[in-house]
Protein backbone atom coordinates (compact mmCIF):
# COMPACT_ATOMS: atom_id res chain seq x y z
CA UNK A 1 144.68 84.13 71.24
CA UNK A 2 141.24 85.69 71.45
CA UNK A 3 140.41 88.55 69.11
CA UNK A 4 138.68 91.52 70.70
CA UNK A 5 135.24 92.21 69.25
CA UNK A 6 134.93 95.50 67.44
CA UNK A 7 131.78 96.32 69.34
CA UNK A 8 130.96 95.31 72.90
CA UNK A 9 127.65 93.66 73.61
CA UNK A 10 125.10 96.16 74.83
CA UNK A 11 123.78 95.59 78.34
CA UNK A 12 120.87 97.25 80.12
CA UNK A 13 122.67 98.26 83.32
CA UNK A 14 122.06 101.65 84.97
CA UNK A 15 124.55 104.12 86.32
CA UNK A 16 123.72 104.55 90.01
CA UNK A 17 124.79 107.70 91.85
CA UNK A 18 125.42 107.67 95.61
CA UNK A 19 124.95 111.12 97.05
CA UNK A 20 124.08 113.04 100.20
CA UNK A 21 122.01 116.17 100.70
CA UNK A 22 121.57 118.40 103.73
CA UNK A 23 117.99 118.51 105.05
CA UNK A 24 117.61 120.95 107.94
CA UNK A 25 121.05 120.04 109.25
CA UNK A 26 120.70 116.27 108.67
CA UNK A 27 122.98 114.69 106.07
CA UNK A 28 120.71 112.30 104.14
CA UNK A 29 122.35 109.65 101.97
CA UNK A 30 120.51 108.45 98.86
CA UNK A 31 120.85 106.36 95.72
CA UNK A 32 119.62 107.65 92.38
CA UNK A 33 119.44 106.17 88.91
CA UNK A 34 117.67 106.77 85.64
CA UNK A 35 116.65 109.75 83.51
CA UNK A 36 115.04 112.63 85.39
CA UNK A 37 112.39 113.02 82.67
CA UNK A 38 111.21 109.41 83.12
CA UNK A 39 108.52 108.34 85.62
CA UNK A 40 109.90 108.70 89.15
CA UNK A 41 109.73 106.03 91.86
CA UNK A 42 110.53 107.10 95.43
CA UNK A 43 111.68 104.02 97.36
CA UNK A 44 111.10 104.10 101.13
CA UNK A 45 112.84 101.31 103.01
CA UNK A 46 111.88 99.35 106.10
CA UNK A 47 113.24 98.18 109.45
CA UNK A 48 116.03 97.48 110.15
CA UNK A 49 117.31 98.21 106.68
CA UNK A 50 118.22 101.13 104.43
CA UNK A 51 118.26 102.03 100.75
CA UNK A 52 120.62 99.14 99.99
CA UNK A 53 117.62 96.81 100.15
CA UNK A 54 116.55 98.24 96.77
CA UNK A 55 119.85 97.80 94.91
CA UNK A 56 118.65 94.89 92.75
CA UNK A 57 115.37 96.65 91.93
CA UNK A 58 117.34 99.76 90.96
CA UNK A 59 119.55 97.63 88.71
CA UNK A 60 116.45 96.07 87.14
CA UNK A 61 114.55 99.31 86.48
CA UNK A 62 117.11 102.11 86.65
CA UNK A 63 117.77 102.52 82.93
CA UNK A 64 114.10 103.09 82.05
CA UNK A 65 112.78 104.93 85.12
CA UNK A 66 113.98 107.51 87.60
CA UNK A 67 114.52 105.79 90.96
CA UNK A 68 115.42 107.60 94.20
CA UNK A 69 116.06 105.76 97.49
CA UNK A 70 117.03 107.69 100.66
CA UNK A 71 118.21 106.38 104.03
CA UNK A 72 116.20 107.74 106.97
CA UNK A 73 118.09 109.66 109.69
CA UNK A 74 119.90 107.13 111.87
CA UNK A 75 119.60 104.38 109.24
CA UNK A 76 122.18 103.15 106.75
CA UNK A 77 124.61 105.87 105.66
CA UNK A 78 122.51 108.83 106.83
CA UNK A 79 123.52 110.75 109.92
CA UNK A 80 122.24 110.02 113.38
CA UNK A 81 122.38 113.62 114.64
CA UNK A 82 122.82 114.31 118.33
CA UNK A 83 119.60 115.56 119.87
CA UNK A 84 117.39 114.42 116.99
CA UNK A 85 114.07 113.24 118.44
CA UNK A 86 113.33 109.93 116.75
CA UNK A 87 109.67 109.46 115.89
CA UNK A 88 107.83 108.60 112.71
CA UNK A 89 106.69 112.21 112.44
CA UNK A 90 110.32 113.34 112.46
CA UNK A 91 111.35 110.73 109.89
CA UNK A 92 108.55 111.98 107.66
CA UNK A 93 109.67 115.59 108.22
CA UNK A 94 113.15 114.76 106.94
CA UNK A 95 111.91 112.73 103.97
CA UNK A 96 109.54 115.57 103.07
CA UNK A 97 112.47 117.99 103.19
CA UNK A 98 114.53 115.54 101.15
CA UNK A 99 111.87 115.41 98.42
CA UNK A 100 111.72 119.21 98.36
CA UNK A 101 115.54 119.43 98.21
CA UNK A 102 115.63 117.17 95.15
CA UNK A 103 112.75 118.98 93.48
CA UNK A 104 110.56 115.89 93.13
CA UNK A 105 107.07 117.25 92.68
CA UNK A 106 105.26 114.15 91.37
CA UNK A 107 106.18 110.49 91.81
CA UNK A 108 105.02 106.96 92.48
CA UNK A 109 105.66 106.04 96.11
CA UNK A 110 107.06 102.61 96.98
CA UNK A 111 106.17 101.91 100.63
CA UNK A 112 107.69 98.93 102.43
CA UNK A 113 107.39 98.27 106.19
CA UNK A 114 108.49 101.54 107.91
CA UNK A 115 108.07 103.14 104.49
CA UNK A 116 104.31 102.89 104.89
CA UNK A 117 103.97 105.12 107.99
CA UNK A 118 106.58 107.51 106.61
CA UNK A 119 105.06 107.50 103.13
CA UNK A 120 101.43 107.86 104.17
CA UNK A 121 102.35 110.85 106.31
CA UNK A 122 103.80 112.41 103.16
CA UNK A 123 100.70 111.49 101.16
CA UNK A 124 98.37 113.20 103.64
CA UNK A 125 100.59 116.29 103.87
CA UNK A 126 101.36 116.56 100.15
CA UNK A 127 98.72 114.66 98.16
CA UNK A 128 99.73 116.50 94.99
CA UNK A 129 103.01 114.57 95.05
CA UNK A 130 101.47 111.10 94.77
CA UNK A 131 100.94 109.75 91.25
CA UNK A 132 100.49 106.20 92.54
CA UNK A 133 101.40 103.71 95.24
CA UNK A 134 103.38 100.49 95.24
CA UNK A 135 102.80 98.82 98.61
CA UNK A 136 105.04 95.91 99.56
CA UNK A 137 104.34 94.51 103.03
CA UNK A 138 103.57 98.01 104.23
CA UNK A 139 100.64 97.80 106.62
CA UNK A 140 97.96 100.45 107.29
CA UNK A 141 95.13 98.22 108.59
CA UNK A 142 94.69 96.70 112.05
CA UNK A 143 93.65 93.38 110.50
CA UNK A 144 97.10 93.23 108.94
CA UNK A 145 98.84 93.09 112.32
CA UNK A 146 99.86 89.62 113.50
CA UNK A 147 99.86 88.78 117.19
CA UNK A 148 103.63 89.37 117.22
CA UNK A 149 103.12 92.79 115.63
CA UNK A 150 100.39 93.69 118.13
CA UNK A 151 102.76 92.83 120.94
CA UNK A 152 105.40 95.07 119.38
CA UNK A 153 102.95 97.95 119.05
CA UNK A 154 101.99 97.64 122.73
CA UNK A 155 105.57 98.15 123.95
CA UNK A 156 106.46 101.29 125.84
CA UNK A 157 109.11 102.93 128.02
CA UNK A 158 110.53 100.54 130.58
CA UNK A 159 110.24 97.58 128.21
CA UNK A 160 113.54 98.05 126.42
CA UNK A 161 114.44 94.45 127.20
CA UNK A 162 111.56 93.38 124.92
CA UNK A 163 112.98 95.33 121.97
CA UNK A 164 116.68 94.44 122.24
CA UNK A 165 116.27 90.79 121.11
CA UNK A 166 114.80 92.13 117.85
CA UNK A 167 118.06 93.97 117.16
CA UNK A 168 120.35 90.93 117.15
CA UNK A 169 121.89 89.20 114.14
CA UNK A 170 119.66 86.17 114.69
CA UNK A 171 116.51 88.31 114.56
CA UNK A 172 117.72 90.40 111.62
CA UNK A 173 118.54 87.30 109.62
CA UNK A 174 115.18 85.81 110.57
CA UNK A 175 113.37 88.80 109.08
CA UNK A 176 114.98 88.07 105.73
CA UNK A 177 114.72 84.28 105.66
CA UNK A 178 111.51 83.79 107.64
CA UNK A 179 108.70 82.69 105.36
CA UNK A 180 110.89 82.35 102.28
CA UNK A 181 109.99 79.38 100.11
CA UNK A 182 113.63 79.06 99.04
CA UNK A 183 116.02 80.53 101.63
CA UNK A 184 118.94 79.84 99.27
CA UNK A 185 117.55 82.62 97.04
CA UNK A 186 117.95 85.16 99.86
CA UNK A 187 121.44 86.67 99.82
CA UNK A 188 123.16 87.09 103.21
CA UNK A 189 124.42 90.56 102.32
CA UNK A 190 121.23 92.36 103.33
CA UNK A 191 120.97 91.18 106.90
CA UNK A 192 124.76 91.37 107.35
CA UNK A 193 124.83 95.04 106.32
CA UNK A 194 121.71 95.81 108.36
CA UNK A 195 123.35 94.36 111.44
CA UNK A 196 126.51 96.36 110.81
CA UNK A 197 124.48 99.57 110.96
CA UNK A 198 122.41 98.39 113.94
CA UNK A 199 125.62 97.75 115.87
CA UNK A 200 126.96 101.28 115.37
CA UNK A 201 127.01 103.45 118.52
CA UNK A 202 123.59 104.85 119.35
CA UNK A 203 121.70 102.99 116.62
CA UNK A 204 119.93 100.53 118.93
CA UNK A 205 118.65 103.43 121.03
CA UNK A 206 117.16 104.90 117.85
CA UNK A 207 115.29 101.68 117.11
CA UNK A 208 114.00 101.46 120.68
CA UNK A 209 112.62 105.00 120.43
CA UNK A 210 110.87 104.15 117.15
CA UNK A 211 109.52 100.90 118.58
CA UNK A 212 107.86 102.80 121.40
CA UNK A 213 106.52 105.34 118.88
CA UNK A 214 105.04 102.73 116.55
CA UNK A 215 101.62 102.97 118.20
CA UNK A 216 101.35 106.47 116.70
CA UNK A 217 101.13 104.80 113.28
CA UNK A 218 98.24 102.54 114.27
CA UNK A 219 96.41 105.57 115.63
CA UNK A 220 96.67 107.17 112.17
CA UNK A 221 95.38 104.15 110.24
CA UNK A 222 91.83 105.59 109.96
CA UNK A 223 93.20 108.87 108.56
CA UNK A 224 95.31 107.05 105.97
CA UNK A 225 92.41 104.82 104.98
CA UNK A 226 90.24 107.90 104.53
CA UNK A 227 92.95 109.41 102.32
CA UNK A 228 92.90 106.27 100.17
CA UNK A 229 89.11 106.43 99.84
CA UNK A 230 89.17 110.11 98.93
CA UNK A 231 92.05 110.09 96.45
CA UNK A 232 91.81 106.53 95.03
CA UNK A 233 95.42 106.58 93.79
CA UNK A 234 96.51 103.94 91.27
CA UNK A 235 97.80 101.20 93.59
CA UNK A 236 99.90 98.07 93.12
CA UNK A 237 100.12 95.71 96.10
CA UNK A 238 102.90 93.09 96.09
CA UNK A 239 103.00 91.14 99.34
CA UNK A 240 104.90 88.25 100.88
CA UNK A 241 102.03 86.23 102.31
CA UNK A 242 104.23 84.44 104.88
CA UNK A 243 105.20 87.68 106.63
CA UNK A 244 105.18 86.99 110.40
CA UNK A 245 104.46 90.66 111.19
CA UNK A 246 102.13 91.99 108.48
CA UNK A 247 99.78 89.22 107.46
CA UNK A 248 97.91 88.66 104.21
CA UNK A 249 94.70 90.24 105.54
CA UNK A 250 96.51 93.57 105.58
CA UNK A 251 97.18 93.31 101.86
CA UNK A 252 93.58 92.41 101.06
CA UNK A 253 92.25 95.22 103.25
CA UNK A 254 93.48 97.84 100.75
CA UNK A 255 90.79 96.64 98.36
CA UNK A 256 88.11 98.00 100.71
CA UNK A 257 89.31 101.55 100.15
CA UNK A 258 90.94 101.23 96.71
CA UNK A 259 88.79 98.62 94.93
CA UNK A 260 90.73 98.98 91.66
CA UNK A 261 94.08 98.19 93.29
CA UNK A 262 96.14 95.37 91.77
CA UNK A 263 96.91 92.67 94.35
CA UNK A 264 99.68 90.08 93.95
CA UNK A 265 100.52 87.66 96.77
CA UNK A 266 103.79 85.72 96.79
CA UNK A 267 104.91 82.61 98.66
CA UNK A 268 107.64 84.38 100.59
CA UNK A 269 108.20 86.42 103.73
CA UNK A 270 108.61 90.01 104.88
CA UNK A 271 111.49 91.00 102.57
CA UNK A 272 109.67 89.78 99.47
CA UNK A 273 112.03 91.50 97.01
CA UNK A 274 114.93 89.39 98.25
CA UNK A 275 113.41 86.19 96.87
CA UNK A 276 110.80 87.32 94.37
CA UNK A 277 112.45 90.22 92.54
CA UNK A 278 112.19 88.43 89.13
CA UNK A 279 108.41 88.30 89.60
CA UNK A 280 107.92 91.70 91.29
CA UNK A 281 110.16 93.92 89.13
CA UNK A 282 108.10 93.40 85.92
CA UNK A 283 104.91 94.24 87.82
CA UNK A 284 106.47 97.49 89.09
CA UNK A 285 107.74 98.34 85.60
CA UNK A 286 104.32 97.77 84.06
CA UNK A 287 102.70 99.86 86.80
CA UNK A 288 105.17 102.71 86.23
CA UNK A 289 104.42 102.65 82.51
CA UNK A 290 100.79 103.40 83.35
CA UNK A 291 100.62 105.32 86.64
CA UNK A 292 104.07 106.80 86.28
CA UNK A 293 103.18 108.79 83.18
CA UNK A 294 101.61 111.28 85.57
CA UNK A 295 104.88 111.59 87.52
CA UNK A 296 107.04 113.15 84.80
């Protein structure tokens, strides 16, 4: 017979809330953890994922810092409203409204993949919000585009057949495992859940519309680079150097405009957090201790 201990062992595990908020008629799902008076980190997810891609990072940091991770309209658990015109401008509109709805007036922005074009639109519109940047395989430089990425950017109406293969389980899984130094460290749950959402009615059409709109992001690269040069935000760059879409040169290019940025390259692929969270989470925590003090 085992005797029950008088006191349970203390564990550093956050309480994570799963909520939704209405933003101009769009129900936006989000995850939130941590004390509101701690430094805030706004986590913007990538393609073809949603806020669930940050669950382990939230578990790692969510007792010490305030973490907020929304799903974009038509992604994850957020609504895909009828008649919503899917473009990166519209995604940014909704995320901007989401930030206003939650009353977040100063935060560190975590920009991954699609989170970069959404997040940099926010930064240009509302520079007073940005206490710092964490950039993880979020490209804003033409030299960061691989040949595959340049082909994607060039797609337009009438080329739907070029986008559809990217929305299959094989391609989704490949985004997670491609470039990983140890694929066994990459859990299957991420790509499985992503594919579940991609296969919902109307979701592939959303991704096709955004694929054709991606060239609008490249057109804004000079504006975002100018914003970096003007504002010089504290910046942490953590990058999977084996990313088949956004190559290492894109990570290094930030140093042209933000020379004091911290750059860390990892031997992994696009979804670097999946394999390298034990190395990346302490870097983000340390960065929040410094840059995040201005986000309280």
